[in-house]
Amino acid sequence: MLTYWARHARLPGGIADAVAIDVADGRIAAVTPGAAPRGEILGGLVLPGFANTHSHAFHRALRGRTHGDKGTFWTWRSGMYALADRLDPDAYHRLARAVYAEMALAGITCVGEFHYLHHQAGGRPYADPNAMGEALIQAAADAGVRITLLDTLYLSGGFGRPLEPAQQRFGDTGLEGWLDRVERLKPGAHARIGGAIHSVRAVPEEAIAAFACSTEGRPVHVHLSEQRAENDACRAEHGCTPAELLERCGLLGPDLTAVHATHLAERDVDLLARSGTGVSFCPTTERDLADGIGPARALADAGVPLSLGTDSNAVIDMFEEARALEMHERLVSEERGRFTADALHDAATGHAALGFTDAGRIEPGARADLVAVALDTPRTAGARPDGVLYAATAADVTDVVADGRHIVHEGRHRYIDAGAELREAIGELWQ
């Protein structure tokens, strides 16, 4: 039995003071507010571990390298393809473990990796057809965080078009080939295997329908209506919106998380709500790529569960993602208080979207994921504990416990020098 003592902690009932948190076998055994200090002291405010529900780890190597020309989402995508072409399993493992260490330093204890970089250039499988996915699973283990590998079906280069040369690495021979490969993945205790449809433009309608019948019990994700051009092309091809196409194919439902959902029609919001589908917003990426601002408040009002992701990892900071959910709403509505602090914390701890329904709360029986945030930094000094979400950044995280394992201590990862490894791994890719 380990005990962590928090000066302040965010419990399901709100902020509590002087909280003793007993941990056994990676889970919280007891939570006692008003306790005398004992065990290991976690200063500041202790929060549940964050869930990053949408990541493309290799995009981290593009940070600070895509802003020289005006460009568009589609020109950015061309640069991303060029980067993907430089990765092999060893290079991907080195990069991803450093990226996941950066996430741990930001208080992220579980990541949903939307994984479509499967094969060698030209589409030829590696000797181990899951070498790239296994590299990601091992990278998460090295960094001490959980991972849901959202292995992604990617079959076409657009509606009615074959894969482009740069996309050959992403594709499988078809749904059966994808299923056969995914069934061979052997996750450790820290990992889950989920599935994903890259987008309605990357998977034909009949394959989406068959996919929907093949993933029962797994978390499933899909990029949805990120770009207006995707909506227009879907209407031209299928006579409906992407969300309507997913409904027609039987994919909408409680196991599905739609990523971005930026350009939804009013009926789309209703379809997601009635089916129990969740939505993962990625505000820092959506604004970096000029995607637009999604209808977060309308979705929440309709009862759609919201979670948050870092997507392209242009920024890895769940405080910023959560804050942006509210601040973007303020910009479009000209009103404050569109989301409560509790709602924003719930979105930042949306582990259920990754298949971990036993995480994201500081209560007995939950996974022991704890994030300590300093209250005496230049950013947080003077803020009340219940207002820290509006003041803190990832730099204010001092300690992180994931599944009972203390992986970040006094602002440093205990096993990985994230800055040095990022510098080395990214430098090798751009030589």
Protein backbone atom coordinates (compact mmCIF):
# COMPACT_ATOMS: atom_id res chain seq x y z
CA MET A 1 0.00 0.00 0.00
CA LEU A 2 1.27 3.44 -0.99
CA THR A 3 -0.20 6.70 0.24
CA TYR A 4 -0.14 10.03 -1.54
CA TRP A 5 -1.20 13.10 0.39
CA ALA A 6 -2.57 16.08 -1.54
CA ARG A 7 -2.93 19.57 -0.13
CA HIS A 8 -5.89 19.96 -2.47
CA ALA A 9 -7.49 17.34 -4.74
CA ARG A 10 -10.29 17.39 -7.27
CA LEU A 11 -12.68 14.64 -6.17
CA PRO A 12 -15.99 13.72 -7.85
CA GLY A 13 -17.78 16.02 -5.39
CA GLY A 14 -15.45 18.96 -5.95
CA ILE A 15 -12.21 20.33 -4.51
CA ALA A 16 -11.27 18.84 -1.13
CA ASP A 17 -8.40 19.73 1.19
CA ALA A 18 -5.78 17.58 2.90
CA VAL A 19 -6.63 14.40 1.00
CA ALA A 20 -4.90 11.07 1.67
CA ILE A 21 -5.07 8.74 -1.34
CA ASP A 22 -4.19 5.11 -0.62
CA VAL A 23 -3.04 3.07 -3.62
CA ALA A 24 -2.71 -0.71 -3.98
CA ASP A 25 -1.96 -2.71 -7.14
CA GLY A 26 -2.26 0.37 -9.32
CA ARG A 27 -5.72 1.33 -8.08
CA ILE A 28 -7.06 3.74 -5.54
CA ALA A 29 -7.99 1.84 -2.38
CA ALA A 30 -9.24 4.73 -0.23
CA VAL A 31 -9.67 8.50 -0.39
CA THR A 32 -9.71 10.41 2.92
CA PRO A 33 -10.23 14.19 2.95
CA GLY A 34 -9.14 16.12 6.03
CA ALA A 35 -6.29 13.71 6.73
CA ALA A 36 -3.03 14.54 8.44
CA PRO A 37 -0.02 14.56 6.09
CA ARG A 38 1.41 11.11 5.51
CA GLY A 39 3.09 9.11 2.80
CA GLU A 40 4.37 10.95 -0.25
CA ILE A 41 3.38 14.61 -0.35
CA LEU A 42 1.96 15.99 -3.60
CA GLY A 43 1.87 19.77 -3.39
CA GLY A 44 -0.51 22.15 -5.09
CA LEU A 45 -3.68 20.71 -6.60
CA VAL A 46 -4.02 17.04 -7.54
CA LEU A 47 -6.22 16.17 -10.51
CA PRO A 48 -7.16 12.87 -12.16
CA GLY A 49 -4.85 11.89 -15.02
CA PHE A 50 -5.68 13.42 -18.39
CA ALA A 51 -6.77 11.37 -21.41
CA ASN A 52 -5.44 12.45 -24.79
CA THR A 53 -8.08 10.85 -26.98
CA HIS A 54 -6.56 11.70 -30.37
CA SER A 55 -2.87 11.71 -31.27
CA HIS A 56 -0.71 11.22 -34.33
CA ALA A 57 2.65 10.84 -32.61
CA PHE A 58 4.78 11.32 -35.71
CA HIS A 59 3.22 14.72 -36.45
CA ARG A 60 5.20 16.04 -33.47
CA ALA A 61 8.22 16.24 -35.79
CA LEU A 62 6.37 18.92 -37.81
CA ARG A 63 6.07 21.34 -34.89
CA GLY A 64 7.43 24.75 -35.80
CA ARG A 65 8.16 23.66 -39.38
CA THR A 66 4.92 24.36 -41.27
CA HIS A 67 4.38 28.10 -40.91
CA GLY A 68 6.81 29.59 -43.42
CA ASP A 69 4.24 29.82 -46.22
CA LYS A 70 0.56 30.53 -45.92
CA GLY A 71 -0.56 27.16 -47.29
CA THR A 72 -3.72 25.20 -46.50
CA PHE A 73 -4.66 22.01 -44.68
CA TRP A 74 -3.97 20.17 -47.92
CA THR A 75 -0.46 21.61 -48.39
CA TRP A 76 0.25 20.83 -44.74
CA ARG A 77 -0.85 17.27 -45.48
CA SER A 78 1.73 17.00 -48.26
CA GLY A 79 4.45 17.91 -45.76
CA MET A 80 3.10 15.33 -43.36
CA TYR A 81 3.32 12.65 -46.06
CA ALA A 82 6.95 13.58 -46.70
CA LEU A 83 7.68 13.14 -43.01
CA ALA A 84 5.90 9.78 -42.86
CA ASP A 85 8.12 8.54 -45.66
CA ARG A 86 11.19 8.95 -43.42
CA LEU A 87 10.01 6.67 -40.62
CA ASP A 88 10.75 3.01 -39.99
CA PRO A 89 9.91 1.01 -36.83
CA ASP A 90 13.12 1.95 -34.98
CA ALA A 91 12.86 5.64 -35.81
CA TYR A 92 9.15 5.64 -34.95
CA HIS A 93 9.83 4.02 -31.58
CA ARG A 94 12.50 6.60 -30.72
CA LEU A 95 10.26 9.49 -31.70
CA ALA A 96 7.09 8.14 -30.08
CA ARG A 97 8.67 7.32 -26.72
CA ALA A 98 9.92 10.91 -26.50
CA VAL A 99 6.50 12.25 -27.55
CA TYR A 100 4.74 10.10 -24.96
CA ALA A 101 7.22 11.26 -22.33
CA GLU A 102 6.30 14.84 -23.26
CA MET A 103 2.66 13.86 -22.80
CA ALA A 104 3.42 12.37 -19.39
CA LEU A 105 5.11 15.62 -18.36
CA ALA A 106 1.85 17.37 -19.33
CA GLY A 107 -0.22 15.10 -17.05
CA ILE A 108 -1.48 12.72 -19.75
CA THR A 109 -1.74 9.18 -18.41
CA CYS A 110 -3.45 7.59 -21.43
CA VAL A 111 -3.18 8.32 -25.14
CA GLY A 112 -5.36 7.28 -28.05
CA GLU A 113 -2.98 6.83 -30.98
CA PHE A 114 -4.81 7.07 -34.31
CA HIS A 115 -2.39 4.79 -36.15
CA TYR A 116 -2.32 4.55 -39.94
CA LEU A 117 1.42 4.45 -40.71
CA HIS A 118 1.53 0.67 -41.12
CA HIS A 119 3.83 -0.51 -43.90
CA GLN A 120 7.03 0.24 -45.76
CA ALA A 121 7.19 2.79 -48.55
CA GLY A 122 5.20 1.46 -51.49
CA GLY A 123 2.88 -0.49 -49.20
CA ARG A 124 5.01 -3.63 -48.72
CA PRO A 125 4.44 -5.06 -45.22
CA TYR A 126 7.31 -5.39 -42.80
CA ALA A 127 8.36 -8.93 -41.83
CA ASP A 128 6.21 -8.30 -38.77
CA PRO A 129 3.18 -6.60 -40.38
CA ASN A 130 2.50 -4.81 -37.09
CA ALA A 131 6.06 -3.58 -36.54
CA MET A 132 4.98 0.08 -36.54
CA GLY A 133 2.06 -0.50 -34.18
CA GLU A 134 4.23 -2.57 -31.83
CA ALA A 135 6.75 0.28 -31.81
CA LEU A 136 4.03 2.62 -30.53
CA ILE A 137 2.85 0.17 -27.88
CA GLN A 138 6.41 -0.25 -26.62
CA ALA A 139 6.99 3.51 -26.70
CA ALA A 140 4.01 4.06 -24.39
CA ALA A 141 5.31 1.37 -22.03
CA ASP A 142 8.72 3.08 -21.96
CA ALA A 143 7.07 6.40 -21.07
CA GLY A 144 4.87 4.81 -18.39
CA VAL A 145 1.51 5.74 -19.93
CA ARG A 146 -1.38 3.64 -21.20
CA ILE A 147 -2.21 3.52 -24.88
CA THR A 148 -5.23 2.61 -26.94
CA LEU A 149 -3.86 1.81 -30.37
CA LEU A 150 -6.60 2.87 -32.77
CA ASP A 151 -5.43 0.86 -35.73
CA THR A 152 -6.82 2.61 -38.78
CA LEU A 153 -8.46 1.28 -41.93
CA TYR A 154 -7.30 3.35 -44.92
CA LEU A 155 -8.18 2.00 -48.37
CA SER A 156 -8.60 4.87 -50.85
CA GLY A 157 -7.11 8.23 -51.74
CA GLY A 158 -10.48 9.94 -51.93
CA PHE A 159 -14.00 9.14 -53.08
CA GLY A 160 -13.65 6.62 -55.89
CA ARG A 161 -9.88 7.11 -56.14
CA PRO A 162 -7.01 4.70 -55.48
CA LEU A 163 -4.39 5.39 -52.85
CA GLU A 164 -1.84 8.00 -53.88
CA PRO A 165 1.82 6.88 -53.87
CA ALA A 166 2.43 8.65 -50.54
CA GLN A 167 -0.56 6.82 -49.03
CA GLN A 168 0.51 3.30 -49.96
CA ARG A 169 2.08 2.87 -46.52
CA PHE A 170 -1.30 3.47 -44.90
CA GLY A 171 -3.37 0.92 -46.83
CA ASP A 172 -4.19 -2.75 -46.40
CA THR A 173 -5.40 -5.18 -49.05
CA GLY A 174 -8.95 -4.60 -47.86
CA LEU A 175 -11.03 -5.01 -44.72
CA GLU A 176 -10.15 -8.70 -44.36
CA GLY A 177 -6.45 -7.95 -44.65
CA TRP A 178 -6.81 -5.21 -42.04
CA LEU A 179 -8.71 -7.50 -39.68
CA ASP A 180 -6.15 -10.27 -40.06
CA ARG A 181 -3.31 -7.90 -39.25
CA VAL A 182 -5.03 -6.28 -36.28
CA GLU A 183 -5.93 -9.65 -34.75
CA ARG A 184 -2.20 -10.39 -34.52
CA LEU A 185 -1.51 -7.41 -32.28
CA LYS A 186 -0.63 -8.48 -28.73
CA PRO A 187 -1.02 -5.59 -26.33
CA GLY A 188 0.51 -5.59 -22.86
CA ALA A 189 -1.37 -4.74 -19.69
CA HIS A 190 -0.92 -1.02 -20.42
CA ALA A 191 -2.52 -1.21 -23.88
CA ARG A 192 -5.84 -1.75 -25.63
CA ILE A 193 -6.42 -2.32 -29.33
CA GLY A 194 -9.17 -0.27 -30.92
CA GLY A 195 -10.13 0.39 -34.50
CA ALA A 196 -10.61 3.42 -36.70
CA ILE A 197 -11.94 4.49 -40.06
CA HIS A 198 -9.59 7.19 -41.26
CA SER A 199 -12.44 9.16 -42.84
CA VAL A 200 -15.36 8.66 -45.19
CA ARG A 201 -13.14 9.74 -48.08
CA ALA A 202 -10.51 7.06 -47.26
CA VAL A 203 -12.82 4.03 -46.90
CA PRO A 204 -15.55 3.06 -49.41
CA GLU A 205 -19.13 2.84 -48.19
CA GLU A 206 -19.38 -0.95 -48.38
CA ALA A 207 -16.17 -1.33 -46.38
CA ILE A 208 -17.44 1.07 -43.70
CA ALA A 209 -20.61 -1.02 -43.37
CA ALA A 210 -18.60 -4.24 -43.08
CA PHE A 211 -16.19 -2.60 -40.62
CA ALA A 212 -19.14 -1.59 -38.45
CA CYS A 213 -20.01 -5.27 -38.05
CA SER A 214 -16.43 -6.28 -37.19
CA THR A 215 -15.38 -4.19 -34.20
CA GLU A 216 -17.88 -5.00 -31.44
CA GLY A 217 -16.49 -4.31 -27.99
CA ARG A 218 -13.61 -2.17 -29.23
CA PRO A 219 -13.37 1.61 -29.02
CA VAL A 220 -13.69 2.95 -32.57
CA HIS A 221 -12.74 6.41 -33.85
CA VAL A 222 -13.15 8.28 -37.13
CA HIS A 223 -12.14 11.69 -38.50
CA LEU A 224 -15.47 13.39 -39.21
CA SER A 225 -16.25 16.61 -41.11
CA GLU A 226 -12.89 18.20 -40.34
CA GLN A 227 -12.91 20.09 -43.64
CA ARG A 228 -15.75 21.69 -45.61
CA ALA A 229 -14.21 20.12 -48.72
CA GLU A 230 -14.78 16.67 -47.23
CA ASN A 231 -18.46 17.46 -46.67
CA ASP A 232 -18.88 18.79 -50.20
CA ALA A 233 -17.19 15.75 -51.74
CA CYS A 234 -19.30 13.38 -49.64
CA ARG A 235 -22.51 15.07 -50.73
CA ALA A 236 -21.40 14.88 -54.35
CA GLU A 237 -20.56 11.18 -54.07
CA HIS A 238 -23.25 9.91 -51.68
CA GLY A 239 -25.90 12.63 -51.55
CA CYS A 240 -25.50 13.05 -47.78
CA THR A 241 -23.19 14.39 -45.08
CA PRO A 242 -20.39 12.23 -43.65
CA ALA A 243 -22.37 11.72 -40.43
CA GLU A 244 -25.41 10.60 -42.43
CA LEU A 245 -23.21 8.17 -44.35
CA LEU A 246 -21.88 6.70 -41.10
CA GLU A 247 -25.45 6.28 -39.86
CA ARG A 248 -26.39 4.55 -43.11
CA CYS A 249 -23.44 2.19 -42.64
CA GLY A 250 -24.37 1.41 -39.03
CA LEU A 251 -21.18 2.85 -37.52
CA LEU A 252 -22.66 5.48 -35.22
CA GLY A 253 -23.07 4.30 -31.64
CA PRO A 254 -21.70 4.39 -28.06
CA ASP A 255 -18.41 2.71 -29.04
CA LEU A 256 -17.67 5.41 -31.63
CA THR A 257 -15.83 8.68 -31.10
CA ALA A 258 -15.97 11.17 -33.97
CA VAL A 259 -12.84 13.32 -34.11
CA HIS A 260 -13.08 17.05 -34.91
CA ALA A 261 -16.75 17.17 -36.03
CA THR A 262 -16.02 20.75 -37.00
CA HIS A 263 -18.49 21.28 -39.82
CA LEU A 264 -21.66 19.48 -38.75
CA ALA A 265 -25.13 20.15 -40.05
CA GLU A 266 -27.90 20.49 -37.46
CA ARG A 267 -29.18 17.04 -38.33
CA ASP A 268 -25.68 15.63 -37.83
CA VAL A 269 -25.69 16.82 -34.22
CA ASP A 270 -28.99 15.04 -33.67
CA LEU A 271 -27.67 11.83 -35.26
CA LEU A 272 -24.62 11.78 -33.01
CA ALA A 273 -26.71 12.46 -29.93
CA ARG A 274 -29.40 9.86 -30.63
CA SER A 275 -26.80 7.17 -31.34
CA GLY A 276 -24.69 7.86 -28.24
CA THR A 277 -21.64 8.72 -30.34
CA GLY A 278 -18.94 10.80 -28.62
CA VAL A 279 -16.84 13.61 -30.08
CA SER A 280 -13.14 14.35 -29.56
CA PHE A 281 -12.25 18.00 -30.09
CA CYS A 282 -8.63 18.96 -30.78
CA PRO A 283 -8.76 22.76 -30.50
CA THR A 284 -5.05 23.56 -30.78
CA THR A 285 -4.70 21.55 -33.98
CA GLU A 286 -8.03 22.71 -35.39
CA ARG A 287 -6.92 26.32 -35.09
CA ASP A 288 -3.33 25.58 -36.23
CA LEU A 289 -4.71 24.08 -39.45
CA ALA A 290 -7.44 26.74 -39.76
CA ASP A 291 -10.12 24.04 -39.72
CA GLY A 292 -12.67 26.19 -37.92
CA ILE A 293 -14.48 26.04 -34.58
CA GLY A 294 -16.76 23.08 -34.00
CA PRO A 295 -20.23 23.18 -32.35
CA ALA A 296 -19.09 22.06 -28.91
CA ARG A 297 -21.90 23.69 -26.95
CA ALA A 298 -24.59 22.42 -29.31
CA LEU A 299 -23.20 18.88 -29.04
CA ALA A 300 -22.99 19.05 -25.26
CA ASP A 301 -26.53 20.43 -25.03
CA ALA A 302 -27.69 17.47 -27.13
CA GLY A 303 -26.03 15.06 -24.70
CA VAL A 304 -22.99 14.10 -26.78
CA PRO A 305 -19.99 13.12 -24.59
CA LEU A 306 -16.99 15.35 -25.32
CA SER A 307 -13.32 14.49 -24.95
CA LEU A 308 -10.09 16.19 -25.98
CA GLY A 309 -7.02 15.33 -28.03
CA THR A 310 -3.76 16.89 -29.14
CA ASP A 311 -4.01 15.48 -32.71
CA SER A 312 -0.97 16.84 -34.61
CA ASN A 313 0.83 17.60 -31.34
CA ALA A 314 1.53 21.15 -32.43
CA VAL A 315 0.89 21.74 -28.71
CA ILE A 316 0.82 19.11 -25.95
CA ASP A 317 -1.07 20.80 -23.14
CA MET A 318 -4.43 19.52 -21.93
CA PHE A 319 -5.03 22.70 -19.94
CA GLU A 320 -4.86 24.60 -23.21
CA GLU A 321 -7.12 22.12 -25.00
CA ALA A 322 -9.74 22.32 -22.24
CA ARG A 323 -9.50 26.08 -21.95
CA ALA A 324 -9.83 26.44 -25.72
CA LEU A 325 -13.09 24.50 -25.68
CA GLU A 326 -14.55 27.33 -23.57
CA MET A 327 -12.66 30.23 -25.13
CA HIS A 328 -13.55 29.29 -28.71
CA GLU A 329 -17.20 29.15 -27.66
CA ARG A 330 -16.88 32.60 -26.14
CA LEU A 331 -15.57 33.95 -29.44
CA VAL A 332 -18.44 32.60 -31.53
CA SER A 333 -21.20 33.30 -28.96
CA GLU A 334 -19.88 36.51 -27.36
CA GLU A 335 -20.81 34.97 -24.00
CA ARG A 336 -18.69 33.73 -21.09
CA GLY A 337 -19.29 30.60 -19.06
CA ARG A 338 -20.31 28.37 -21.95
CA PHE A 339 -18.86 25.37 -20.08
CA THR A 340 -18.44 24.88 -16.36
CA ALA A 341 -15.02 24.01 -14.97
CA ASP A 342 -16.41 20.55 -14.11
CA ALA A 343 -17.45 19.99 -17.72
CA LEU A 344 -14.02 21.01 -18.98
CA HIS A 345 -12.31 18.67 -16.51
CA ASP A 346 -14.62 15.86 -17.63
CA ALA A 347 -13.61 16.46 -21.25
CA ALA A 348 -9.90 16.47 -20.34
CA THR A 349 -10.27 13.16 -18.48
CA GLY A 350 -12.35 11.31 -21.09
CA HIS A 351 -10.69 7.91 -20.67
CA ALA A 352 -13.95 6.14 -21.55
CA ALA A 353 -13.45 7.19 -25.19
CA LEU A 354 -10.33 5.00 -25.14
CA GLY A 355 -11.99 2.00 -23.52
CA PHE A 356 -10.75 2.72 -19.98
CA THR A 357 -13.99 3.35 -18.12
CA ASP A 358 -12.23 2.85 -14.77
CA ALA A 359 -10.03 5.95 -15.06
CA GLY A 360 -10.41 9.72 -14.82
CA ARG A 361 -11.69 9.97 -11.24
CA ILE A 362 -10.04 10.11 -7.83
CA GLU A 363 -12.21 7.59 -6.03
CA PRO A 364 -11.86 4.06 -4.62
CA GLY A 365 -11.62 1.41 -7.32
CA ALA A 366 -10.41 3.77 -10.04
CA ARG A 367 -6.99 3.55 -11.64
CA ALA A 368 -4.44 5.48 -9.62
CA ASP A 369 -3.79 8.30 -12.11
CA LEU A 370 -2.83 11.50 -10.30
CA VAL A 371 -1.51 14.82 -11.62
CA ALA A 372 -0.09 17.43 -9.24
CA VAL A 373 -0.21 21.05 -10.42
CA ALA A 374 1.85 23.72 -8.65
CA LEU A 375 -0.07 26.68 -7.27
CA ASP A 376 2.93 28.96 -6.82
CA THR A 377 4.25 29.46 -10.35
CA PRO A 378 4.13 32.79 -12.22
CA ARG A 379 1.01 31.47 -13.99
CA THR A 380 -0.88 29.92 -11.07
CA ALA A 381 0.14 32.08 -8.10
CA GLY A 382 -2.97 33.66 -6.60
CA ALA A 383 -5.43 31.42 -8.45
CA ARG A 384 -7.95 29.53 -6.39
CA PRO A 385 -7.72 25.74 -6.71
CA ASP A 386 -11.08 25.64 -8.52
CA GLY A 387 -9.79 28.17 -11.06
CA VAL A 388 -6.48 26.53 -11.90
CA LEU A 389 -7.79 25.17 -15.19
CA TYR A 390 -8.04 28.75 -16.46
CA ALA A 391 -4.50 29.66 -15.41
CA ALA A 392 -2.18 26.64 -15.55
CA THR A 393 -0.20 25.20 -18.43
CA ALA A 394 1.57 21.88 -18.87
CA ALA A 395 4.70 23.55 -17.46
CA ASP A 396 2.99 23.73 -14.06
CA VAL A 397 2.67 19.94 -13.70
CA THR A 398 5.13 18.75 -11.04
CA ASP A 399 4.23 15.10 -10.48
CA VAL A 400 2.35 12.39 -12.35
CA VAL A 401 1.28 8.96 -11.15
CA ALA A 402 -0.06 6.53 -13.78
CA ASP A 403 -1.58 3.23 -12.67
CA GLY A 404 0.09 3.80 -9.31
CA ARG A 405 3.55 4.30 -10.83
CA HIS A 406 5.20 7.65 -10.12
CA ILE A 407 6.51 8.57 -13.59
CA VAL A 408 7.04 12.34 -13.26
CA HIS A 409 8.68 13.80 -10.16
CA GLU A 410 9.39 17.49 -9.55
CA GLY A 411 8.78 18.29 -13.20
CA ARG A 412 11.09 15.65 -14.65
CA HIS A 413 10.28 12.33 -16.26
CA ARG A 414 11.92 9.63 -14.18
CA TYR A 415 13.03 7.45 -17.10
CA ILE A 416 13.29 9.63 -20.23
CA ASP A 417 14.95 12.96 -20.93
CA ALA A 418 12.12 14.09 -23.17
CA GLY A 419 13.79 17.23 -24.50
CA ALA A 420 17.04 15.52 -25.41
CA GLU A 421 15.32 12.52 -26.98
CA LEU A 422 12.93 14.71 -28.98
CA ARG A 423 15.81 16.80 -30.24
CA GLU A 424 17.75 13.73 -31.29
CA ALA A 425 14.84 11.80 -32.84
CA ILE A 426 13.49 14.77 -34.78
CA GLY A 427 16.95 15.87 -35.85
CA GLU A 428 17.59 12.42 -37.37
CA LEU A 429 14.37 12.62 -39.39
CA TRP A 430 15.23 15.98 -40.96
CA GLN A 431 18.90 15.28 -41.76
